[in-house]
């Protein structure tokens, strides 16, 4: 076998390693950038929810007491109105 062939194969192996390393590096940077952007976006949304007087609930993430109380009020009002109409 020719030594030039082995030298060419060794060079090809080194170049392929470098190309693969660059592909993995770019993919890793893309993943890190995506995670950073998502974190920054969620931080902004959490700040908006806290400004709306929401608090962190351990089981359900964020819950807004104002929205829950108004939904409960609407539900009880509708139930009361339905009962009054049914009894009349």
Foldseek 3Di string as FASTA:
>chain_A
DDVVVVVVVVVVVVVVVVVVVVVVVVVVVVVVVVVVVVVVVVVVVVVVLVVLVWDQDPPPGIDRPVVVVVVVVVVVVVVVVVVVVVVD
